[in-house]
Amino acid sequence: MTAPHASAASSAASTTARDGSAVRQISVLLYSDDVTTRDAVRVNVGRRPARDVEVTSWRECATAAAVIEAVENGHFDVLVLDGEAAPTGGLGLCRQLKNEIFGCPPILVLTGRPQDGWLATWSQADLAVPHPLDPIALASAVAELGRRGHAATA
């Protein structure tokens, strides 16, 4: 799993909003074995998680193998991994991706509860949002991670 992977910064595009500000267009990979969780994340993040960030595409994966294949062969600006997924949790998968994928995109993990922040740190996640999902925290986290790649190339 050491195949070259384009950095998150190189795959995203920018457009200009009506007010002249730059809008960061991002693609998001979403992993959870639970379709309800995937739906909740997509609805809570929405198309515009922030004024300057627009989600142009979602790729949903229900298995860890599908995530690994997608990350190795695709270009994503943000990965959202469900730490409560089974049989492979998003926390362990996050750690694996961070250690095995060169230029791994920023990763947001969904933890089971606020006290699991230490697990998110262990997993090398860039940010964590606990269940129950707070729409504002979730959208803010995706927007922040979507901006990170852009700042690296500026």
C-alpha atoms as a PDB file:
ATOM      1  CA  MET A   1       0.000   0.000   0.000  1.00  0.00           C
ATOM      2  CA  THR A   2       2.833   2.346  -0.786  1.00  0.00           C
ATOM      3  CA  ALA A   3       1.553   3.467  -4.164  1.00  0.00           C
ATOM      4  CA  PRO A   4       2.041   7.166  -4.834  1.00  0.00           C
ATOM      5  CA  HIS A   5      -0.953   9.255  -3.941  1.00  0.00           C
ATOM      6  CA  ALA A   6      -1.511  12.818  -5.063  1.00  0.00           C
ATOM      7  CA  SER A   7      -1.656  15.212  -2.169  1.00  0.00           C
ATOM      8  CA  ALA A   8      -4.983  16.602  -1.115  1.00  0.00           C
ATOM      9  CA  ALA A   9      -3.848  20.031  -2.226  1.00  0.00           C
ATOM     10  CA  SER A  10      -3.242  19.031  -5.824  1.00  0.00           C
ATOM     11  CA  SER A  11      -6.628  17.446  -6.455  1.00  0.00           C
ATOM     12  CA  ALA A  12      -8.906  20.240  -5.250  1.00  0.00           C
ATOM     13  CA  ALA A  13     -10.044  23.138  -7.366  1.00  0.00           C
ATOM     14  CA  SER A  14     -11.033  26.672  -6.559  1.00  0.00           C
ATOM     15  CA  THR A  15     -13.718  28.862  -8.038  1.00  0.00           C
ATOM     16  CA  THR A  16     -14.809  32.382  -7.291  1.00  0.00           C
ATOM     17  CA  ALA A  17     -18.045  33.225  -5.510  1.00  0.00           C
ATOM     18  CA  ARG A  18     -20.275  36.118  -6.496  1.00  0.00           C
ATOM     19  CA  ASP A  19     -18.703  38.293  -3.817  1.00  0.00           C
ATOM     20  CA  GLY A  20     -15.221  37.715  -5.294  1.00  0.00           C
ATOM     21  CA  SER A  21     -13.971  35.338  -2.589  1.00  0.00           C
ATOM     22  CA  ALA A  22     -12.334  32.029  -3.498  1.00  0.00           C
ATOM     23  CA  VAL A  23     -14.397  28.893  -2.977  1.00  0.00           C
ATOM     24  CA  ARG A  24     -12.459  25.713  -2.268  1.00  0.00           C
ATOM     25  CA  GLN A  25     -14.016  22.721  -4.056  1.00  0.00           C
ATOM     26  CA  ILE A  26     -13.311  19.425  -2.320  1.00  0.00           C
ATOM     27  CA  SER A  27     -14.007  15.721  -2.743  1.00  0.00           C
ATOM     28  CA  VAL A  28     -14.791  13.664   0.350  1.00  0.00           C
ATOM     29  CA  LEU A  29     -14.484   9.931   0.991  1.00  0.00           C
ATOM     30  CA  LEU A  30     -16.893   8.722   3.671  1.00  0.00           C
ATOM     31  CA  TYR A  31     -16.480   5.347   5.419  1.00  0.00           C
ATOM     32  CA  SER A  32     -19.036   3.666   7.643  1.00  0.00           C
ATOM     33  CA  ASP A  33     -20.642   0.247   7.607  1.00  0.00           C
ATOM     34  CA  ASP A  34     -23.889   1.925   8.704  1.00  0.00           C
ATOM     35  CA  VAL A  35     -25.866   3.606   5.934  1.00  0.00           C
ATOM     36  CA  THR A  36     -27.670   5.725   8.550  1.00  0.00           C
ATOM     37  CA  THR A  37     -24.358   7.173   9.729  1.00  0.00           C
ATOM     38  CA  ARG A  38     -23.273   7.868   6.150  1.00  0.00           C
ATOM     39  CA  ASP A  39     -26.574   9.629   5.438  1.00  0.00           C
ATOM     40  CA  ALA A  40     -26.297  11.676   8.648  1.00  0.00           C
ATOM     41  CA  VAL A  41     -22.780  12.830   7.776  1.00  0.00           C
ATOM     42  CA  ARG A  42     -23.743  13.851   4.234  1.00  0.00           C
ATOM     43  CA  VAL A  43     -26.847  15.708   5.431  1.00  0.00           C
ATOM     44  CA  ASN A  44     -25.053  17.438   8.318  1.00  0.00           C
ATOM     45  CA  VAL A  45     -22.076  18.530   6.207  1.00  0.00           C
ATOM     46  CA  GLY A  46     -24.206  19.505   3.234  1.00  0.00           C
ATOM     47  CA  ARG A  47     -22.938  20.895  -0.029  1.00  0.00           C
ATOM     48  CA  ARG A  48     -21.380  24.005   1.557  1.00  0.00           C
ATOM     49  CA  PRO A  49     -19.925  23.231   5.008  1.00  0.00           C
ATOM     50  CA  ALA A  50     -18.522  26.774   5.040  1.00  0.00           C
ATOM     51  CA  ARG A  51     -18.824  29.883   2.944  1.00  0.00           C
ATOM     52  CA  ASP A  52     -15.466  29.211   1.301  1.00  0.00           C
ATOM     53  CA  VAL A  53     -15.700  25.397   0.991  1.00  0.00           C
ATOM     54  CA  GLU A  54     -17.931  23.418  -1.363  1.00  0.00           C
ATOM     55  CA  VAL A  55     -18.199  19.625  -1.449  1.00  0.00           C
ATOM     56  CA  THR A  56     -18.327  18.682  -5.130  1.00  0.00           C
ATOM     57  CA  SER A  57     -18.299  14.907  -4.689  1.00  0.00           C
ATOM     58  CA  TRP A  58     -18.849  12.203  -2.096  1.00  0.00           C
ATOM     59  CA  ARG A  59     -17.493   8.667  -2.327  1.00  0.00           C
ATOM     60  CA  GLU A  60     -19.144   6.317   0.139  1.00  0.00           C
ATOM     61  CA  CYS A  61     -17.473   3.105   1.262  1.00  0.00           C
ATOM     62  CA  ALA A  62     -18.935   0.417   3.521  1.00  0.00           C
ATOM     63  CA  THR A  63     -15.786  -1.720   3.902  1.00  0.00           C
ATOM     64  CA  ALA A  64     -12.184  -1.034   4.836  1.00  0.00           C
ATOM     65  CA  ALA A  65     -10.984  -2.763   1.665  1.00  0.00           C
ATOM     66  CA  ALA A  66     -13.051  -0.355  -0.439  1.00  0.00           C
ATOM     67  CA  VAL A  67     -11.525   2.612   1.413  1.00  0.00           C
ATOM     68  CA  ILE A  68      -7.975   1.377   0.861  1.00  0.00           C
ATOM     69  CA  GLU A  69      -8.612   0.796  -2.847  1.00  0.00           C
ATOM     70  CA  ALA A  70     -10.288   4.196  -3.273  1.00  0.00           C
ATOM     71  CA  VAL A  71      -7.502   6.081  -1.488  1.00  0.00           C
ATOM     72  CA  GLU A  72      -4.797   4.249  -3.439  1.00  0.00           C
ATOM     73  CA  ASN A  73      -6.473   4.869  -6.802  1.00  0.00           C
ATOM     74  CA  GLY A  74      -8.375   8.119  -6.327  1.00  0.00           C
ATOM     75  CA  HIS A  75      -7.830  11.669  -5.217  1.00  0.00           C
ATOM     76  CA  PHE A  76      -9.688  12.912  -2.158  1.00  0.00           C
ATOM     77  CA  ASP A  77      -9.292  16.122  -0.220  1.00  0.00           C
ATOM     78  CA  VAL A  78     -10.814  14.839   3.033  1.00  0.00           C
ATOM     79  CA  LEU A  79     -11.488  11.382   4.458  1.00  0.00           C
ATOM     80  CA  VAL A  80     -14.247  10.886   7.049  1.00  0.00           C
ATOM     81  CA  LEU A  81     -13.931   7.560   8.871  1.00  0.00           C
ATOM     82  CA  ASP A  82     -16.447   6.135  11.356  1.00  0.00           C
ATOM     83  CA  GLY A  83     -14.611   4.894  14.425  1.00  0.00           C
ATOM     84  CA  GLU A  84     -17.629   2.749  15.321  1.00  0.00           C
ATOM     85  CA  ALA A  85     -17.658   0.826  12.023  1.00  0.00           C
ATOM     86  CA  ALA A  86     -17.375  -2.960  12.188  1.00  0.00           C
ATOM     87  CA  PRO A  87     -15.524  -5.216  11.698  1.00  0.00           C
ATOM     88  CA  THR A  88     -12.795  -2.676  10.883  1.00  0.00           C
ATOM     89  CA  GLY A  89     -13.129   0.543  12.834  1.00  0.00           C
ATOM     90  CA  GLY A  90     -12.242   3.900  11.381  1.00  0.00           C
ATOM     91  CA  LEU A  91      -9.640   4.582  14.087  1.00  0.00           C
ATOM     92  CA  GLY A  92      -7.482   1.588  13.180  1.00  0.00           C
ATOM     93  CA  LEU A  93      -8.049   2.241   9.491  1.00  0.00           C
ATOM     94  CA  CYS A  94      -6.977   5.851   9.981  1.00  0.00           C
ATOM     95  CA  ARG A  95      -3.710   4.774  11.588  1.00  0.00           C
ATOM     96  CA  GLN A  96      -3.093   2.296   8.782  1.00  0.00           C
ATOM     97  CA  LEU A  97      -3.725   4.903   6.062  1.00  0.00           C
ATOM     98  CA  LYS A  98      -1.542   7.522   7.750  1.00  0.00           C
ATOM     99  CA  ASN A  99       1.329   5.035   8.026  1.00  0.00           C
ATOM    100  CA  GLU A 100       1.015   3.398   4.607  1.00  0.00           C
ATOM    101  CA  ILE A 101      -0.204   6.042   2.139  1.00  0.00           C
ATOM    102  CA  PHE A 102       2.295   8.672   1.036  1.00  0.00           C
ATOM    103  CA  GLY A 103       0.600  12.080   1.068  1.00  0.00           C
ATOM    104  CA  CYS A 104      -2.476  10.734   2.842  1.00  0.00           C
ATOM    105  CA  PRO A 105      -5.319  13.285   2.779  1.00  0.00           C
ATOM    106  CA  PRO A 106      -6.454  14.821   6.065  1.00  0.00           C
ATOM    107  CA  ILE A 107      -8.681  12.493   8.072  1.00  0.00           C
ATOM    108  CA  LEU A 108     -11.666  13.239  10.297  1.00  0.00           C
ATOM    109  CA  VAL A 109     -12.682  10.370  12.580  1.00  0.00           C
ATOM    110  CA  LEU A 110     -16.075   9.963  14.191  1.00  0.00           C
ATOM    111  CA  THR A 111     -15.559   8.689  17.726  1.00  0.00           C
ATOM    112  CA  GLY A 112     -18.063   6.846  19.882  1.00  0.00           C
ATOM    113  CA  ARG A 113     -18.042   9.480  22.633  1.00  0.00           C
ATOM    114  CA  PRO A 114     -16.181  12.662  23.614  1.00  0.00           C
ATOM    115  CA  GLN A 115     -13.916  10.706  26.004  1.00  0.00           C
ATOM    116  CA  ASP A 116     -12.437   8.816  23.029  1.00  0.00           C
ATOM    117  CA  GLY A 117     -10.307  11.777  21.989  1.00  0.00           C
ATOM    118  CA  TRP A 118      -7.178   9.892  23.056  1.00  0.00           C
ATOM    119  CA  LEU A 119      -8.043   7.162  20.539  1.00  0.00           C
ATOM    120  CA  ALA A 120      -8.266   9.770  17.796  1.00  0.00           C
ATOM    121  CA  THR A 121      -4.797  10.980  18.789  1.00  0.00           C
ATOM    122  CA  TRP A 122      -3.477   7.407  18.706  1.00  0.00           C
ATOM    123  CA  SER A 123      -4.994   6.896  15.254  1.00  0.00           C
ATOM    124  CA  GLN A 124      -3.121   9.976  13.940  1.00  0.00           C
ATOM    125  CA  ALA A 125      -6.405  11.577  12.863  1.00  0.00           C
ATOM    126  CA  ASP A 126      -6.274  15.249  11.984  1.00  0.00           C
ATOM    127  CA  LEU A 127      -9.596  15.979  13.733  1.00  0.00           C
ATOM    128  CA  ALA A 128     -12.303  14.078  15.606  1.00  0.00           C
ATOM    129  CA  VAL A 129     -16.031  14.610  16.129  1.00  0.00           C
ATOM    130  CA  PRO A 130     -17.876  12.442  18.685  1.00  0.00           C
ATOM    131  CA  HIS A 131     -21.269  10.768  18.408  1.00  0.00           C
ATOM    132  CA  PRO A 132     -23.962  11.968  18.652  1.00  0.00           C
ATOM    133  CA  LEU A 133     -22.982  14.031  15.630  1.00  0.00           C
ATOM    134  CA  ASP A 134     -23.214  17.790  16.051  1.00  0.00           C
ATOM    135  CA  PRO A 135     -23.977  19.278  12.600  1.00  0.00           C
ATOM    136  CA  ILE A 136     -22.026  22.475  13.283  1.00  0.00           C
ATOM    137  CA  ALA A 137     -18.942  20.653  14.596  1.00  0.00           C
ATOM    138  CA  LEU A 138     -19.057  18.176  11.717  1.00  0.00           C
ATOM    139  CA  ALA A 139     -19.391  20.822   9.003  1.00  0.00           C
ATOM    140  CA  SER A 140     -16.679  22.961  10.624  1.00  0.00           C
ATOM    141  CA  ALA A 141     -14.275  20.017  10.813  1.00  0.00           C
ATOM    142  CA  VAL A 142     -14.787  19.069   7.150  1.00  0.00           C
ATOM    143  CA  ALA A 143     -14.361  22.694   6.080  1.00  0.00           C
ATOM    144  CA  GLU A 144     -11.181  23.079   8.155  1.00  0.00           C
ATOM    145  CA  LEU A 145      -9.640  19.936   6.706  1.00  0.00           C
ATOM    146  CA  GLY A 146     -10.700  20.983   3.219  1.00  0.00           C
ATOM    147  CA  ARG A 147      -8.821  24.259   3.651  1.00  0.00           C
ATOM    148  CA  ARG A 148      -5.649  22.627   4.967  1.00  0.00           C
ATOM    149  CA  GLY A 149      -4.559  21.269   1.611  1.00  0.00           C
ATOM    150  CA  HIS A 150      -5.141  24.656   0.003  1.00  0.00           C
ATOM    151  CA  ALA A 151      -2.990  26.449   2.579  1.00  0.00           C
ATOM    152  CA  ALA A 152      -0.109  24.045   1.903  1.00  0.00           C
ATOM    153  CA  THR A 153       0.123  25.100  -1.753  1.00  0.00           C
ATOM    154  CA  ALA A 154      -0.383  28.825  -1.228  1.00  0.00           C
END
